[in-house]
C-alpha atoms as a PDB file:
ATOM      1  CA  MET A   1    -180.195 124.727-237.345  1.00  0.00           C
ATOM      2  CA  ARG A   2    -182.560 127.625-237.978  1.00  0.00           C
ATOM      3  CA  ILE A   3    -186.057 127.889-236.488  1.00  0.00           C
ATOM      4  CA  ILE A   4    -188.570 130.311-238.023  1.00  0.00           C
ATOM      5  CA  VAL A   5    -190.929 131.926-235.497  1.00  0.00           C
ATOM      6  CA  ASP A   6    -194.134 133.814-236.257  1.00  0.00           C
ATOM      7  CA  ALA A   7    -193.609 136.856-234.035  1.00  0.00           C
ATOM      8  CA  MET A   8    -197.158 138.172-234.479  1.00  0.00           C
ATOM      9  CA  GLY A   9    -199.135 135.016-233.677  1.00  0.00           C
ATOM     10  CA  GLY A  10    -200.872 134.479-230.344  1.00  0.00           C
ATOM     11  CA  ASP A  11    -202.539 136.494-227.607  1.00  0.00           C
ATOM     12  CA  ASN A  12    -199.254 137.784-226.170  1.00  0.00           C
ATOM     13  CA  ALA A  13    -197.452 138.681-229.395  1.00  0.00           C
ATOM     14  CA  PRO A  14    -195.018 140.085-230.101  1.00  0.00           C
ATOM     15  CA  LEU A  15    -193.427 140.603-226.665  1.00  0.00           C
ATOM     16  CA  ALA A  16    -193.843 137.084-225.286  1.00  0.00           C
ATOM     17  CA  ILE A  17    -192.822 135.581-228.632  1.00  0.00           C
ATOM     18  CA  VAL A  18    -189.662 137.685-228.820  1.00  0.00           C
ATOM     19  CA  LYS A  19    -188.782 136.941-225.184  1.00  0.00           C
ATOM     20  CA  GLY A  20    -189.272 133.232-225.817  1.00  0.00           C
ATOM     21  CA  ALA A  21    -187.203 133.391-228.993  1.00  0.00           C
ATOM     22  CA  LEU A  22    -184.317 135.014-227.127  1.00  0.00           C
ATOM     23  CA  ARG A  23    -184.511 132.396-224.375  1.00  0.00           C
ATOM     24  CA  GLY A  24    -184.892 129.566-226.877  1.00  0.00           C
ATOM     25  CA  GLN A  25    -181.926 130.649-228.975  1.00  0.00           C
ATOM     26  CA  LYS A  26    -179.721 130.738-225.896  1.00  0.00           C
ATOM     27  CA  ARG A  27    -180.960 127.477-224.413  1.00  0.00           C
ATOM     28  CA  TRP A  28    -181.142 125.329-227.538  1.00  0.00           C
ATOM     29  CA  GLY A  29    -178.236 126.767-229.534  1.00  0.00           C
ATOM     30  CA  VAL A  30    -180.222 127.438-232.712  1.00  0.00           C
ATOM     31  CA  ASP A  31    -180.503 130.358-235.105  1.00  0.00           C
ATOM     32  CA  ILE A  32    -183.825 132.206-235.160  1.00  0.00           C
ATOM     33  CA  THR A  33    -185.743 134.007-237.902  1.00  0.00           C
ATOM     34  CA  LEU A  34    -188.598 136.201-236.673  1.00  0.00           C
ATOM     35  CA  THR A  35    -191.333 137.080-239.164  1.00  0.00           C
ATOM     36  CA  GLY A  36    -193.641 140.041-238.606  1.00  0.00           C
ATOM     37  CA  ASP A  37    -193.883 143.782-238.134  1.00  0.00           C
ATOM     38  CA  GLU A  38    -190.240 144.823-237.862  1.00  0.00           C
ATOM     39  CA  ALA A  39    -190.925 147.956-235.803  1.00  0.00           C
ATOM     40  CA  ALA A  40    -193.025 145.987-233.315  1.00  0.00           C
ATOM     41  CA  ILE A  41    -190.407 143.243-233.083  1.00  0.00           C
ATOM     42  CA  ARG A  42    -187.591 145.724-232.482  1.00  0.00           C
ATOM     43  CA  GLN A  43    -189.668 147.499-229.849  1.00  0.00           C
ATOM     44  CA  ALA A  44    -190.176 144.145-228.115  1.00  0.00           C
ATOM     45  CA  LEU A  45    -186.432 143.513-228.282  1.00  0.00           C
ATOM     46  CA  THR A  46    -185.841 146.892-226.646  1.00  0.00           C
ATOM     47  CA  GLN A  47    -188.297 145.969-223.887  1.00  0.00           C
ATOM     48  CA  CYS A  48    -186.181 142.847-223.354  1.00  0.00           C
ATOM     49  CA  GLY A  49    -183.063 144.994-222.970  1.00  0.00           C
ATOM     50  CA  VAL A  50    -181.672 144.029-226.368  1.00  0.00           C
ATOM     51  CA  THR A  51    -180.492 146.947-228.499  1.00  0.00           C
ATOM     52  CA  ALA A  52    -179.031 144.952-231.393  1.00  0.00           C
ATOM     53  CA  LEU A  53    -180.065 141.624-232.891  1.00  0.00           C
ATOM     54  CA  PRO A  54    -178.076 138.755-231.351  1.00  0.00           C
ATOM     55  CA  GLN A  55    -175.796 136.839-233.649  1.00  0.00           C
ATOM     56  CA  GLY A  56    -177.786 134.140-235.432  1.00  0.00           C
ATOM     57  CA  MET A  57    -181.108 136.010-235.176  1.00  0.00           C
ATOM     58  CA  ASP A  58    -182.711 137.921-238.018  1.00  0.00           C
ATOM     59  CA  ILE A  59    -186.023 139.539-238.903  1.00  0.00           C
ATOM     60  CA  VAL A  60    -188.018 139.052-242.100  1.00  0.00           C
ATOM     61  CA  PRO A  61    -190.425 142.027-242.160  1.00  0.00           C
ATOM     62  CA  THR A  62    -194.062 141.522-243.105  1.00  0.00           C
ATOM     63  CA  THR A  63    -196.963 143.951-243.350  1.00  0.00           C
ATOM     64  CA  GLU A  64    -199.978 141.787-242.451  1.00  0.00           C
ATOM     65  CA  GLU A  65    -201.143 139.433-239.714  1.00  0.00           C
ATOM     66  CA  VAL A  66    -203.459 136.441-239.545  1.00  0.00           C
ATOM     67  CA  THR A  67    -206.141 137.224-236.966  1.00  0.00           C
ATOM     68  CA  MET A  68    -208.593 134.898-235.242  1.00  0.00           C
ATOM     69  CA  GLU A  69    -211.392 136.550-237.261  1.00  0.00           C
ATOM     70  CA  ASP A  70    -209.801 135.606-240.600  1.00  0.00           C
ATOM     71  CA  ASP A  71    -211.309 132.721-242.547  1.00  0.00           C
ATOM     72  CA  PRO A  72    -208.571 130.035-242.601  1.00  0.00           C
ATOM     73  CA  SER A  73    -209.662 128.830-246.040  1.00  0.00           C
ATOM     74  CA  THR A  74    -209.175 132.208-247.732  1.00  0.00           C
ATOM     75  CA  VAL A  75    -206.780 134.242-245.602  1.00  0.00           C
ATOM     76  CA  PHE A  76    -203.641 133.406-247.589  1.00  0.00           C
ATOM     77  CA  ARG A  77    -205.307 134.394-250.850  1.00  0.00           C
ATOM     78  CA  ARG A  78    -206.509 137.704-249.424  1.00  0.00           C
ATOM     79  CA  LYS A  79    -203.400 138.492-247.421  1.00  0.00           C
ATOM     80  CA  LYS A  80    -200.163 137.809-249.249  1.00  0.00           C
ATOM     81  CA  ASP A  81    -197.696 139.202-246.707  1.00  0.00           C
ATOM     82  CA  THR A  82    -198.656 137.752-243.306  1.00  0.00           C
ATOM     83  CA  SER A  83    -196.096 136.746-240.700  1.00  0.00           C
ATOM     84  CA  MET A  84    -197.526 133.210-240.767  1.00  0.00           C
ATOM     85  CA  GLY A  85    -197.667 132.851-244.548  1.00  0.00           C
ATOM     86  CA  VAL A  86    -194.197 134.274-245.095  1.00  0.00           C
ATOM     87  CA  GLY A  87    -192.789 132.016-242.375  1.00  0.00           C
ATOM     88  CA  LEU A  88    -194.311 128.928-244.000  1.00  0.00           C
ATOM     89  CA  THR A  89    -192.949 130.036-247.378  1.00  0.00           C
ATOM     90  CA  LEU A  90    -189.457 130.415-245.927  1.00  0.00           C
ATOM     91  CA  LEU A  91    -189.777 126.907-244.501  1.00  0.00           C
ATOM     92  CA  ARG A  92    -190.911 125.522-247.841  1.00  0.00           C
ATOM     93  CA  ASP A  93    -188.008 127.195-249.628  1.00  0.00           C
ATOM     94  CA  GLY A  94    -185.406 125.709-247.293  1.00  0.00           C
ATOM     95  CA  GLN A  95    -184.570 128.910-245.412  1.00  0.00           C
ATOM     96  CA  GLY A  96    -185.312 127.276-242.081  1.00  0.00           C
ATOM     97  CA  ASP A  97    -185.600 123.807-240.552  1.00  0.00           C
ATOM     98  CA  ALA A  98    -188.890 124.230-238.666  1.00  0.00           C
ATOM     99  CA  PHE A  99    -191.661 126.788-238.147  1.00  0.00           C
ATOM    100  CA  ILE A 100    -193.502 127.802-234.963  1.00  0.00           C
ATOM    101  CA  SER A 101    -196.682 129.858-234.610  1.00  0.00           C
ATOM    102  CA  ALA A 102    -199.081 130.559-231.754  1.00  0.00           C
ATOM    103  CA  GLY A 103    -201.610 131.980-234.206  1.00  0.00           C
ATOM    104  CA  SER A 104    -204.885 130.540-235.485  1.00  0.00           C
ATOM    105  CA  THR A 105    -204.817 126.727-235.553  1.00  0.00           C
ATOM    106  CA  GLY A 106    -207.091 126.532-238.584  1.00  0.00           C
ATOM    107  CA  ALA A 107    -205.057 129.050-240.534  1.00  0.00           C
ATOM    108  CA  LEU A 108    -201.785 127.353-239.632  1.00  0.00           C
ATOM    109  CA  LEU A 109    -203.060 123.957-240.744  1.00  0.00           C
ATOM    110  CA  THR A 110    -204.406 125.433-243.973  1.00  0.00           C
ATOM    111  CA  GLY A 111    -201.201 127.355-244.629  1.00  0.00           C
ATOM    112  CA  ALA A 112    -198.989 124.366-243.867  1.00  0.00           C
ATOM    113  CA  THR A 113    -201.076 122.273-246.274  1.00  0.00           C
ATOM    114  CA  LEU A 114    -201.252 124.834-249.083  1.00  0.00           C
ATOM    115  CA  ILE A 115    -197.836 126.461-248.782  1.00  0.00           C
ATOM    116  CA  THR A 116    -195.413 124.006-247.208  1.00  0.00           C
ATOM    117  CA  LYS A 117    -197.449 121.016-248.499  1.00  0.00           C
ATOM    118  CA  ARG A 118    -198.177 117.584-247.102  1.00  0.00           C
ATOM    119  CA  ILE A 119    -195.806 114.674-247.620  1.00  0.00           C
ATOM    120  CA  ARG A 120    -196.724 113.003-250.906  1.00  0.00           C
ATOM    121  CA  GLY A 121    -199.420 110.401-250.319  1.00  0.00           C
ATOM    122  CA  ILE A 122    -200.517 111.658-246.900  1.00  0.00           C
ATOM    123  CA  ARG A 123    -204.266 112.337-247.013  1.00  0.00           C
ATOM    124  CA  ARG A 124    -204.493 114.660-244.010  1.00  0.00           C
ATOM    125  CA  ALA A 125    -201.983 116.200-241.631  1.00  0.00           C
ATOM    126  CA  ALA A 126    -202.762 115.493-237.973  1.00  0.00           C
ATOM    127  CA  MET A 127    -202.105 117.237-234.687  1.00  0.00           C
ATOM    128  CA  ALA A 128    -200.160 114.994-232.346  1.00  0.00           C
ATOM    129  CA  PRO A 129    -199.818 116.330-228.783  1.00  0.00           C
ATOM    130  CA  ILE A 130    -197.987 114.372-226.110  1.00  0.00           C
ATOM    131  CA  MET A 131    -200.369 113.462-223.302  1.00  0.00           C
ATOM    132  CA  PRO A 132    -199.257 112.415-219.818  1.00  0.00           C
ATOM    133  CA  THR A 133    -200.034 108.898-218.612  1.00  0.00           C
ATOM    134  CA  VAL A 134    -199.539 107.053-215.328  1.00  0.00           C
ATOM    135  CA  THR A 135    -196.440 105.336-216.716  1.00  0.00           C
ATOM    136  CA  GLY A 136    -195.015 108.179-218.801  1.00  0.00           C
ATOM    137  CA  ARG A 137    -196.469 109.745-221.922  1.00  0.00           C
ATOM    138  CA  ALA A 138    -198.203 108.865-225.164  1.00  0.00           C
ATOM    139  CA  VAL A 139    -198.883 110.396-228.569  1.00  0.00           C
ATOM    140  CA  LEU A 140    -202.518 111.395-229.137  1.00  0.00           C
ATOM    141  CA  ILE A 141    -203.324 111.587-232.842  1.00  0.00           C
ATOM    142  CA  ASP A 142    -205.483 113.417-233.980  1.00  0.00           C
ATOM    143  CA  CYS A 143    -206.545 116.062-231.445  1.00  0.00           C
ATOM    144  CA  GLY A 144    -208.539 118.461-233.577  1.00  0.00           C
ATOM    145  CA  ALA A 145    -207.240 118.949-237.105  1.00  0.00           C
ATOM    146  CA  ASN A 146    -209.692 116.442-238.619  1.00  0.00           C
ATOM    147  CA  ALA A 147    -213.091 116.265-236.936  1.00  0.00           C
ATOM    148  CA  GLU A 148    -214.448 113.868-239.562  1.00  0.00           C
ATOM    149  CA  CYS A 149    -212.246 110.978-240.638  1.00  0.00           C
ATOM    150  CA  THR A 150    -212.257 107.915-242.862  1.00  0.00           C
ATOM    151  CA  PRO A 151    -210.678 104.566-241.969  1.00  0.00           C
ATOM    152  CA  GLU A 152    -207.761 105.393-244.279  1.00  0.00           C
ATOM    153  CA  TYR A 153    -207.095 108.642-242.410  1.00  0.00           C
ATOM    154  CA  LEU A 154    -206.937 106.758-239.108  1.00  0.00           C
ATOM    155  CA  LEU A 155    -204.732 104.097-240.665  1.00  0.00           C
ATOM    156  CA  GLN A 156    -202.291 106.804-241.698  1.00  0.00           C
ATOM    157  CA  PHE A 157    -202.546 108.467-238.269  1.00  0.00           C
ATOM    158  CA  ALA A 158    -201.510 105.171-236.689  1.00  0.00           C
ATOM    159  CA  TYR A 159    -198.353 105.084-238.787  1.00  0.00           C
ATOM    160  CA  LEU A 160    -197.640 108.792-238.284  1.00  0.00           C
ATOM    161  CA  GLY A 161    -198.041 108.468-234.515  1.00  0.00           C
ATOM    162  CA  SER A 162    -195.918 105.334-234.398  1.00  0.00           C
ATOM    163  CA  PHE A 163    -193.085 106.986-236.323  1.00  0.00           C
ATOM    164  CA  TYR A 164    -193.336 110.060-234.088  1.00  0.00           C
ATOM    165  CA  ALA A 165    -193.179 107.959-230.910  1.00  0.00           C
ATOM    166  CA  ARG A 166    -190.166 106.078-232.224  1.00  0.00           C
ATOM    167  CA  HIS A 167    -188.151 108.967-233.631  1.00  0.00           C
ATOM    168  CA  VAL A 168    -189.010 111.789-231.235  1.00  0.00           C
ATOM    169  CA  LEU A 169    -189.929 110.025-227.977  1.00  0.00           C
ATOM    170  CA  GLY A 170    -187.398 107.215-228.438  1.00  0.00           C
ATOM    171  CA  ILE A 171    -189.882 104.344-227.925  1.00  0.00           C
ATOM    172  CA  GLU A 172    -188.457 101.270-229.644  1.00  0.00           C
ATOM    173  CA  ASN A 173    -191.677  99.468-230.588  1.00  0.00           C
ATOM    174  CA  PRO A 174    -194.597 101.773-229.758  1.00  0.00           C
ATOM    175  CA  ARG A 175    -197.907 100.138-228.844  1.00  0.00           C
ATOM    176  CA  VAL A 176    -200.705 101.552-230.966  1.00  0.00           C
ATOM    177  CA  GLY A 177    -204.236 101.601-229.569  1.00  0.00           C
ATOM    178  CA  LEU A 178    -207.503 102.657-231.221  1.00  0.00           C
ATOM    179  CA  LEU A 179    -209.673 104.803-228.940  1.00  0.00           C
ATOM    180  CA  ASN A 180    -213.038 103.128-228.495  1.00  0.00           C
ATOM    181  CA  ILE A 181    -215.854 102.574-225.983  1.00  0.00           C
ATOM    182  CA  GLY A 182    -214.735  98.996-225.357  1.00  0.00           C
ATOM    183  CA  VAL A 183    -212.033  96.523-226.287  1.00  0.00           C
ATOM    184  CA  GLU A 184    -214.279  94.096-228.161  1.00  0.00           C
ATOM    185  CA  ALA A 185    -213.972  93.980-231.957  1.00  0.00           C
ATOM    186  CA  GLU A 186    -217.620  94.854-232.531  1.00  0.00           C
ATOM    187  CA  LYS A 187    -217.592  97.984-230.353  1.00  0.00           C
ATOM    188  CA  GLY A 188    -217.849 101.503-231.754  1.00  0.00           C
ATOM    189  CA  THR A 189    -219.221 102.961-234.973  1.00  0.00           C
ATOM    190  CA  ASP A 190    -218.471 101.785-238.490  1.00  0.00           C
ATOM    191  CA  LEU A 191    -215.402 104.042-238.420  1.00  0.00           C
ATOM    192  CA  GLN A 192    -213.843 102.249-235.434  1.00  0.00           C
ATOM    193  CA  ARG A 193    -214.781  98.763-236.642  1.00  0.00           C
ATOM    194  CA  GLN A 194    -213.420  99.311-240.149  1.00  0.00           C
ATOM    195  CA  THR A 195    -210.280 100.998-238.853  1.00  0.00           C
ATOM    196  CA  ARG A 196    -209.611  98.181-236.392  1.00  0.00           C
ATOM    197  CA  ALA A 197    -209.853  95.648-239.227  1.00  0.00           C
ATOM    198  CA  LEU A 198    -207.353  97.671-241.272  1.00  0.00           C
ATOM    199  CA  LEU A 199    -204.909  98.048-238.406  1.00  0.00           C
ATOM    200  CA  MET A 200    -205.018  94.329-237.647  1.00  0.00           C
ATOM    201  CA  ARG A 201    -203.546  93.733-241.120  1.00  0.00           C
ATOM    202  CA  GLN A 202    -200.506  96.002-240.642  1.00  0.00           C
ATOM    203  CA  PRO A 203    -197.442  93.914-239.709  1.00  0.00           C
ATOM    204  CA  ARG A 204    -195.229  97.000-239.283  1.00  0.00           C
ATOM    205  CA  LEU A 205    -197.487  98.364-236.554  1.00  0.00           C
ATOM    206  CA  ASN A 206    -197.522  97.062-232.993  1.00  0.00           C
ATOM    207  CA  PHE A 207    -201.305  97.342-232.889  1.00  0.00           C
ATOM    208  CA  ILE A 208    -202.794  96.185-229.590  1.00  0.00           C
ATOM    209  CA  GLY A 209    -206.458  96.666-230.535  1.00  0.00           C
ATOM    210  CA  ASN A 210    -209.211  98.864-229.152  1.00  0.00           C
ATOM    211  CA  ILE A 211    -208.490 100.719-225.945  1.00  0.00           C
ATOM    212  CA  GLU A 212    -210.719 102.702-223.611  1.00  0.00           C
ATOM    213  CA  ALA A 213    -209.766 106.217-222.549  1.00  0.00           C
ATOM    214  CA  LYS A 214    -209.233 105.205-218.918  1.00  0.00           C
ATOM    215  CA  GLU A 215    -206.741 102.484-219.917  1.00  0.00           C
ATOM    216  CA  ALA A 216    -204.888 104.854-222.232  1.00  0.00           C
ATOM    217  CA  ILE A 217    -204.441 107.276-219.328  1.00  0.00           C
ATOM    218  CA  LYS A 218    -203.068 104.409-217.238  1.00  0.00           C
ATOM    219  CA  GLY A 219    -200.337 103.895-219.856  1.00  0.00           C
ATOM    220  CA  GLY A 220    -201.954 101.120-221.854  1.00  0.00           C
ATOM    221  CA  CYS A 221    -200.547 102.360-225.163  1.00  0.00           C
ATOM    222  CA  ASP A 222    -197.840 104.625-226.577  1.00  0.00           C
ATOM    223  CA  VAL A 223    -199.907 105.934-229.493  1.00  0.00           C
ATOM    224  CA  LEU A 224    -203.628 106.637-229.181  1.00  0.00           C
ATOM    225  CA  VAL A 225    -205.376 106.861-232.556  1.00  0.00           C
ATOM    226  CA  THR A 226    -208.699 108.656-232.954  1.00  0.00           C
ATOM    227  CA  ASP A 227    -210.560 111.200-235.035  1.00  0.00           C
ATOM    228  CA  GLY A 228    -209.944 114.852-234.225  1.00  0.00           C
ATOM    229  CA  PHE A 229    -213.376 115.362-232.640  1.00  0.00           C
ATOM    230  CA  SER A 230    -212.960 112.620-230.034  1.00  0.00           C
ATOM    231  CA  GLY A 231    -209.274 113.382-229.582  1.00  0.00           C
ATOM    232  CA  ASN A 232    -209.930 117.037-228.842  1.00  0.00           C
ATOM    233  CA  ILE A 233    -212.564 116.140-226.260  1.00  0.00           C
ATOM    234  CA  MET A 234    -210.182 113.682-224.623  1.00  0.00           C
ATOM    235  CA  LEU A 235    -207.293 116.150-224.503  1.00  0.00           C
ATOM    236  CA  LYS A 236    -209.390 118.933-223.017  1.00  0.00           C
ATOM    237  CA  THR A 237    -210.940 116.526-220.520  1.00  0.00           C
ATOM    238  CA  ILE A 238    -207.464 115.560-219.331  1.00  0.00           C
ATOM    239  CA  GLU A 239    -206.556 119.233-218.961  1.00  0.00           C
ATOM    240  CA  GLY A 240    -209.812 119.966-217.135  1.00  0.00           C
ATOM    241  CA  VAL A 241    -209.534 117.038-214.739  1.00  0.00           C
ATOM    242  CA  GLY A 242    -205.927 117.981-214.020  1.00  0.00           C
ATOM    243  CA  SER A 243    -206.939 121.536-213.163  1.00  0.00           C
ATOM    244  CA  PHE A 244    -209.834 120.305-211.025  1.00  0.00           C
ATOM    245  CA  ALA A 245    -207.613 117.833-209.164  1.00  0.00           C
ATOM    246  CA  GLY A 246    -204.944 120.446-208.559  1.00  0.00           C
ATOM    247  CA  ASN A 247    -207.428 122.967-207.152  1.00  0.00           C
ATOM    248  CA  ALA A 248    -209.138 120.314-205.043  1.00  0.00           C
ATOM    249  CA  LEU A 249    -205.850 119.189-203.517  1.00  0.00           C
ATOM    250  CA  LYS A 250    -204.856 122.788-202.857  1.00  0.00           C
ATOM    251  CA  GLY A 251    -208.096 123.271-200.922  1.00  0.00           C
ATOM    252  CA  ILE A 252    -207.533 120.105-198.918  1.00  0.00           C
ATOM    253  CA  PHE A 253    -204.023 121.087-197.917  1.00  0.00           C
ATOM    254  CA  LYS A 254    -205.093 124.573-196.793  1.00  0.00           C
ATOM    255  CA  LYS A 255    -207.692 123.379-194.269  1.00  0.00           C
ATOM    256  CA  ASN A 256    -205.594 123.602-191.125  1.00  0.00           C
ATOM    257  CA  LEU A 257    -202.033 123.678-189.816  1.00  0.00           C
ATOM    258  CA  LEU A 258    -201.621 119.903-190.022  1.00  0.00           C
ATOM    259  CA  THR A 259    -202.759 119.708-193.627  1.00  0.00           C
ATOM    260  CA  LYS A 260    -200.537 122.693-194.500  1.00  0.00           C
ATOM    261  CA  LEU A 261    -197.545 120.813-193.119  1.00  0.00           C
ATOM    262  CA  ALA A 262    -198.548 117.749-195.092  1.00  0.00           C
ATOM    263  CA  GLY A 263    -198.933 119.910-198.175  1.00  0.00           C
ATOM    264  CA  ALA A 264    -195.427 121.290-197.757  1.00  0.00           C
ATOM    265  CA  MET A 265    -194.077 117.731-197.680  1.00  0.00           C
ATOM    266  CA  VAL A 266    -195.771 116.695-200.933  1.00  0.00           C
ATOM    267  CA  LEU A 267    -195.322 120.051-202.723  1.00  0.00           C
ATOM    268  CA  PRO A 268    -192.514 118.824-205.023  1.00  0.00           C
ATOM    269  CA  GLY A 269    -194.694 115.951-206.196  1.00  0.00           C
ATOM    270  CA  LEU A 270    -197.679 118.228-206.736  1.00  0.00           C
ATOM    271  CA  ASN A 271    -195.577 120.658-208.743  1.00  0.00           C
ATOM    272  CA  ALA A 272    -194.291 117.804-210.902  1.00  0.00           C
ATOM    273  CA  PHE A 273    -197.874 116.675-211.500  1.00  0.00           C
ATOM    274  CA  LYS A 274    -198.910 120.203-212.426  1.00  0.00           C
ATOM    275  CA  ALA A 275    -195.988 120.537-214.833  1.00  0.00           C
ATOM    276  CA  GLN A 276    -197.159 117.476-216.784  1.00  0.00           C
ATOM    277  CA  LEU A 277    -200.407 119.274-217.611  1.00  0.00           C
ATOM    278  CA  ASP A 278    -198.958 122.741-218.163  1.00  0.00           C
ATOM    279  CA  PRO A 279    -198.971 123.561-221.913  1.00  0.00           C
ATOM    280  CA  ASN A 280    -196.203 126.097-221.351  1.00  0.00           C
ATOM    281  CA  LYS A 281    -193.894 123.268-220.261  1.00  0.00           C
ATOM    282  CA  VAL A 282    -194.616 121.289-223.434  1.00  0.00           C
ATOM    283  CA  GLY A 283    -194.366 124.185-225.848  1.00  0.00           C
ATOM    284  CA  GLY A 284    -196.640 123.075-228.644  1.00  0.00           C
ATOM    285  CA  THR A 285    -198.166 120.396-230.822  1.00  0.00           C
ATOM    286  CA  ALA A 286    -196.555 119.059-233.973  1.00  0.00           C
ATOM    287  CA  PHE A 287    -198.456 118.852-237.247  1.00  0.00           C
ATOM    288  CA  ILE A 288    -197.498 115.398-238.498  1.00  0.00           C
ATOM    289  CA  GLY A 289    -197.690 114.707-242.222  1.00  0.00           C
ATOM    290  CA  ILE A 290    -196.421 118.111-243.426  1.00  0.00           C
ATOM    291  CA  SER A 291    -193.265 118.014-245.562  1.00  0.00           C
ATOM    292  CA  LYS A 292    -191.346 120.161-243.045  1.00  0.00           C
ATOM    293  CA  PRO A 293    -191.699 120.418-239.242  1.00  0.00           C
ATOM    294  CA  VAL A 294    -194.508 122.782-238.185  1.00  0.00           C
ATOM    295  CA  ILE A 295    -195.241 123.349-234.487  1.00  0.00           C
ATOM    296  CA  LYS A 296    -198.456 124.918-233.189  1.00  0.00           C
ATOM    297  CA  ALA A 297    -197.913 126.727-229.892  1.00  0.00           C
ATOM    298  CA  HIS A 298    -201.070 127.407-227.910  1.00  0.00           C
ATOM    299  CA  GLY A 299    -202.694 130.784-228.393  1.00  0.00           C
ATOM    300  CA  SER A 300    -201.918 132.124-224.921  1.00  0.00           C
ATOM    301  CA  SER A 301    -198.261 131.068-225.031  1.00  0.00           C
ATOM    302  CA  ASN A 302    -195.883 132.952-222.759  1.00  0.00           C
ATOM    303  CA  GLU A 303    -192.126 133.171-223.217  1.00  0.00           C
ATOM    304  CA  GLU A 304    -191.585 129.808-221.500  1.00  0.00           C
ATOM    305  CA  ALA A 305    -193.933 128.126-223.974  1.00  0.00           C
ATOM    306  CA  ILE A 306    -192.123 129.612-226.976  1.00  0.00           C
ATOM    307  CA  GLU A 307    -188.743 128.642-225.511  1.00  0.00           C
ATOM    308  CA  ASN A 308    -189.948 125.054-225.121  1.00  0.00           C
ATOM    309  CA  ALA A 309    -191.600 125.064-228.549  1.00  0.00           C
ATOM    310  CA  ILE A 310    -188.220 125.949-230.055  1.00  0.00           C
ATOM    311  CA  GLY A 311    -186.698 122.955-228.302  1.00  0.00           C
ATOM    312  CA  GLN A 312    -189.506 120.756-229.588  1.00  0.00           C
ATOM    313  CA  ALA A 313    -189.063 122.089-233.126  1.00  0.00           C
ATOM    314  CA  LYS A 314    -185.340 121.379-232.973  1.00  0.00           C
ATOM    315  CA  GLU A 315    -186.005 117.837-231.759  1.00  0.00           C
ATOM    316  CA  VAL A 316    -188.523 117.084-234.508  1.00  0.00           C
ATOM    317  CA  ALA A 317    -186.323 118.612-237.216  1.00  0.00           C
ATOM    318  CA  ALA A 318    -183.308 116.575-236.117  1.00  0.00           C
ATOM    319  CA  SER A 319    -185.233 113.312-235.716  1.00  0.00           C
ATOM    320  CA  GLY A 320    -185.518 112.284-239.351  1.00  0.00           C
ATOM    321  CA  LEU A 321    -189.270 111.888-238.857  1.00  0.00           C
ATOM    322  CA  VAL A 322    -190.318 113.470-242.162  1.00  0.00           C
ATOM    323  CA  ASP A 323    -187.916 111.297-244.177  1.00  0.00           C
ATOM    324  CA  GLU A 324    -189.098 108.173-242.356  1.00  0.00           C
ATOM    325  CA  ILE A 325    -192.738 108.935-243.108  1.00  0.00           C
ATOM    326  CA  ALA A 326    -191.996 109.734-246.759  1.00  0.00           C
ATOM    327  CA  ALA A 327    -190.129 106.452-247.159  1.00  0.00           C
ATOM    328  CA  HIS A 328    -193.113 104.408-245.964  1.00  0.00           C
ATOM    329  CA  VAL A 329    -196.115 106.273-247.380  1.00  0.00           C
ATOM    330  CA  ASP A 330    -196.888 103.453-249.815  1.00  0.00           C
ATOM    331  CA  GLU A 331    -197.608 101.144-246.871  1.00  0.00           C
ATOM    332  CA  MET A 332    -200.165 103.540-245.409  1.00  0.00           C
ATOM    333  CA  THR A 333    -203.005 102.695-247.773  1.00  0.00           C
ATOM    334  CA  ILE A 334    -206.093 100.575-247.539  1.00  0.00           C
ATOM    335  CA  GLU A 335    -204.539  98.158-250.026  1.00  0.00           C
ATOM    336  CA  ALA A 336    -201.424  97.658-247.831  1.00  0.00           C
END
C-alpha cells in the first residue's frame, strides 16, 4: 500500500512531516510518496539523519505550495503545481491508496472535490472525526466542511457515518443519533425536524432519534449527525473542556504533598484521559464521500500526528469503505 503525503502542508512542514513519514513507514509497513519542494524535503531528511531515500519512499517534486492566505475556491486554477494539488492528482490517477495533508482545510476539501472527485451521487463530502465518549468513541459527522446543510445532506451524512463506524471502527450495528436540543420529535429547527422524519424512514440505518450533546458524550450513540457549524462547535467544546479539566486537575494535585502523592497514583489514568483528546494521537480527520481516502491532519501536526495519520489512512484504504458507500448511494436520497 502506498500513502501520498503533502510534505509542505502545515505549520511544521516540511521537517515534522518528513519525520512523521519516516516513522509511519516503519511502523505501518507502507510505501510513502512525498510531494513538495525536493530540496527542502531532502534537507529535512538530512536533519533526520537519512542520507538516502529509504526503500519504498519516493519524492514527487513540485514548485508551489498552498498557503493559508490562498483562496480555496481558486487556488488550484492559479497554482497548477502545488504539493497538495499534485498529491490529489496522484491519488486520482491510482498512484497511491490514500492522501494526507496538514494544509488548509478549505483548500483540501475543494481540491479533493474538484480533483479526486466525490463518489457519484454524494452531494457533499463531510469531515468525520472520532470523538471520545464515556463508553468508547463515536463518529461526529460533519464537523466543519458544510456549515449550511439540507435534510438530504444530513441523510447522506448518516449513511456515511454509519458505514465508517462499521468498516473502520468495527461496530456491527452503529446507533445513529441526530444532534438536537431535545429528544422530542418537534424539537429543533426545520432542518432537524425534516431530517429526523427522513431518517425514521431508513430501514438500513439503526436510527435512535434525536440526541442531546450531553447524552452523546456519555456514549448514547455511535454516529452523531449534524451540520458542520454545530459539529465544529461541539468538537471544539469537547477539546476545550478537556483542556480545562486537565489543567484544573493538575492544579488540584499540586496543592500539597498529600495531593501530589494522590496525583502520582492516578497519573496513568490522567495520561490516558489526556491522550483521548490529543489530536496528535488521533492523526487526522477523514473526508468521507470522496472517491479515494483523503485524511486531513491538523495544521500544527508534529511527527507523531503524521505517523498516526498514516496509520489512519492505511486503515481507511484497507476497509472497503469507499466501495461500500458507492454500492449504496442510491439509497441515500430523499426518495429512498
